[in-house]
C-alpha atoms as a PDB file:
ATOM      1  CA  MET A   1       1.541  -4.783  12.406  1.00  0.00           C
ATOM      2  CA  GLN A   2       0.983  -3.261   9.200  1.00  0.00           C
ATOM      3  CA  VAL A   3      -2.747  -4.356   9.190  1.00  0.00           C
ATOM      4  CA  VAL A   4      -2.996  -2.634  12.698  1.00  0.00           C
ATOM      5  CA  GLN A   5      -1.443   0.580  11.295  1.00  0.00           C
ATOM      6  CA  VAL A   6      -4.282   0.687   8.708  1.00  0.00           C
ATOM      7  CA  VAL A   7      -7.196  -0.436  10.823  1.00  0.00           C
ATOM      8  CA  VAL A   8      -6.593   1.622  13.996  1.00  0.00           C
ATOM      9  CA  PRO A   9      -6.537   4.974  12.450  1.00  0.00           C
ATOM     10  CA  LEU A  10      -9.321   4.174  10.086  1.00  0.00           C
ATOM     11  CA  GLY A  11     -11.480   2.977  13.275  1.00  0.00           C
ATOM     12  CA  VAL A  12     -10.657   6.028  15.219  1.00  0.00           C
ATOM     13  CA  GLY A  13     -11.925   8.094  12.258  1.00  0.00           C
ATOM     14  CA  LEU A  14     -15.048   6.143  11.716  1.00  0.00           C
ATOM     15  CA  GLY A  15     -15.845   6.384  15.599  1.00  0.00           C
ATOM     16  CA  GLY A  16     -15.167   9.986  15.492  1.00  0.00           C
ATOM     17  CA  ALA A  17     -17.437  10.484  12.573  1.00  0.00           C
ATOM     18  CA  VAL A  18     -20.235   8.615  14.049  1.00  0.00           C
ATOM     19  CA  VAL A  19     -19.978  10.651  17.251  1.00  0.00           C
ATOM     20  CA  ALA A  20     -19.770  13.830  15.283  1.00  0.00           C
ATOM     21  CA  GLY A  21     -22.573  12.869  13.172  1.00  0.00           C
ATOM     22  CA  TRP A  22     -24.549  12.316  16.491  1.00  0.00           C
ATOM     23  CA  LEU A  23     -23.526  15.604  18.012  1.00  0.00           C
ATOM     24  CA  ALA A  24     -24.307  17.680  14.978  1.00  0.00           C
ATOM     25  CA  GLU A  25     -27.710  16.199  14.613  1.00  0.00           C
ATOM     26  CA  ALA A  26     -28.362  16.827  18.369  1.00  0.00           C
ATOM     27  CA  SER A  27     -27.233  20.399  18.028  1.00  0.00           C
ATOM     28  CA  TYR A  28     -29.411  20.797  14.935  1.00  0.00           C
ATOM     29  CA  LEU A  29     -32.492  19.427  16.991  1.00  0.00           C
ATOM     30  CA  ILE A  30     -31.760  21.520  19.997  1.00  0.00           C
ATOM     31  CA  THR A  31     -31.713  24.816  18.033  1.00  0.00           C
ATOM     32  CA  GLY A  32     -35.143  23.993  16.621  1.00  0.00           C
ATOM     33  CA  GLY A  33     -34.289  22.065  13.549  1.00  0.00           C
ATOM     34  CA  GLY A  34     -36.935  19.514  12.966  1.00  0.00           C
ATOM     35  CA  ALA A  35     -38.883  16.847  14.180  1.00  0.00           C
ATOM     36  CA  VAL A  36     -36.412  13.912  13.246  1.00  0.00           C
ATOM     37  CA  HIS A  37     -34.650  12.494  16.210  1.00  0.00           C
ATOM     38  CA  TRP A  38     -31.545  10.267  16.334  1.00  0.00           C
ATOM     39  CA  ASP A  39     -32.281   7.046  15.089  1.00  0.00           C
ATOM     40  CA  TRP A  40     -31.222   4.394  17.741  1.00  0.00           C
ATOM     41  CA  GLU A  41     -32.612   1.526  15.603  1.00  0.00           C
ATOM     42  CA  GLY A  42     -30.231   2.387  12.725  1.00  0.00           C
ATOM     43  CA  LEU A  43     -27.010   2.472  15.125  1.00  0.00           C
ATOM     44  CA  PRO A  44     -26.553  -1.329  14.595  1.00  0.00           C
ATOM     45  CA  VAL A  45     -26.504  -0.903  10.924  1.00  0.00           C
ATOM     46  CA  LEU A  46     -24.030   1.958  11.156  1.00  0.00           C
ATOM     47  CA  VAL A  47     -21.700   0.247  13.500  1.00  0.00           C
ATOM     48  CA  GLY A  48     -21.968  -2.897  11.408  1.00  0.00           C
ATOM     49  CA  SER A  49     -21.234  -1.099   8.218  1.00  0.00           C
ATOM     50  CA  ALA A  50     -18.232   0.627  10.069  1.00  0.00           C
ATOM     51  CA  VAL A  51     -16.994  -2.759  11.196  1.00  0.00           C
ATOM     52  CA  GLY A  52     -17.289  -4.159   7.635  1.00  0.00           C
ATOM     53  CA  VAL A  53     -15.115  -1.174   6.450  1.00  0.00           C
ATOM     54  CA  LEU A  54     -12.349  -2.036   9.005  1.00  0.00           C
ATOM     55  CA  VAL A  55     -12.550  -5.742   7.929  1.00  0.00           C
ATOM     56  CA  VAL A  56     -12.365  -4.902   4.212  1.00  0.00           C
ATOM     57  CA  ALA A  57      -9.292  -2.467   5.001  1.00  0.00           C
ATOM     58  CA  GLY A  58      -7.418  -5.103   7.001  1.00  0.00           C
ATOM     59  CA  VAL A  59      -8.115  -7.607   4.338  1.00  0.00           C
ATOM     60  CA  ALA A  60      -6.972  -5.258   1.661  1.00  0.00           C
ATOM     61  CA  SER A  61      -3.639  -4.612   3.631  1.00  0.00           C
ATOM     62  CA  VAL A  62      -2.634  -8.116   4.048  1.00  0.00           C
ATOM     63  CA  PRO A  63      -0.904  -8.325   0.611  1.00  0.00           C
ATOM     64  CA  MET A  64       1.393  -5.683   1.749  1.00  0.00           C
ATOM     65  CA  VAL A  65       2.623  -7.516   4.738  1.00  0.00           C
ATOM     66  CA  ARG A  66       6.451  -8.428   4.844  1.00  0.00           C
ATOM     67  CA  ARG A  67       6.959  -6.027   1.775  1.00  0.00           C
ATOM     68  CA  HIS A  68       9.672  -3.667   2.364  1.00  0.00           C
ATOM     69  CA  VAL A  69      10.453  -0.515   0.738  1.00  0.00           C
ATOM     70  CA  ASP A  70      13.996  -0.540  -0.953  1.00  0.00           C
ATOM     71  CA  PRO A  71      15.472   2.937   0.005  1.00  0.00           C
ATOM     72  CA  GLU A  72      17.577   2.772  -3.432  1.00  0.00           C
ATOM     73  CA  HIS A  73      14.216   2.922  -5.405  1.00  0.00           C
ATOM     74  CA  ILE A  74      13.241   6.038  -3.475  1.00  0.00           C
ATOM     75  CA  ARG A  75      16.733   7.693  -3.930  1.00  0.00           C
ATOM     76  CA  ARG A  76      16.598   7.078  -7.831  1.00  0.00           C
ATOM     77  CA  ASP A  77      13.429   9.087  -8.164  1.00  0.00           C
END
């Protein structure tokens, strides 16, 4: 469950970043920005990189599984 708490928000953020980037580029091109268009051929690399980030984040959060925060340590600080 802790891995899911790391991966899901990160996945939503990465998906939002890809969509926001695409929309920003599209609006730039619509307003007469330039001759460069959205590169659909680069999309698999972008999605693969996002999935790689999610995998690394999930693996990195595994050591924290089953560790509990002791409230006494928080109260002392």
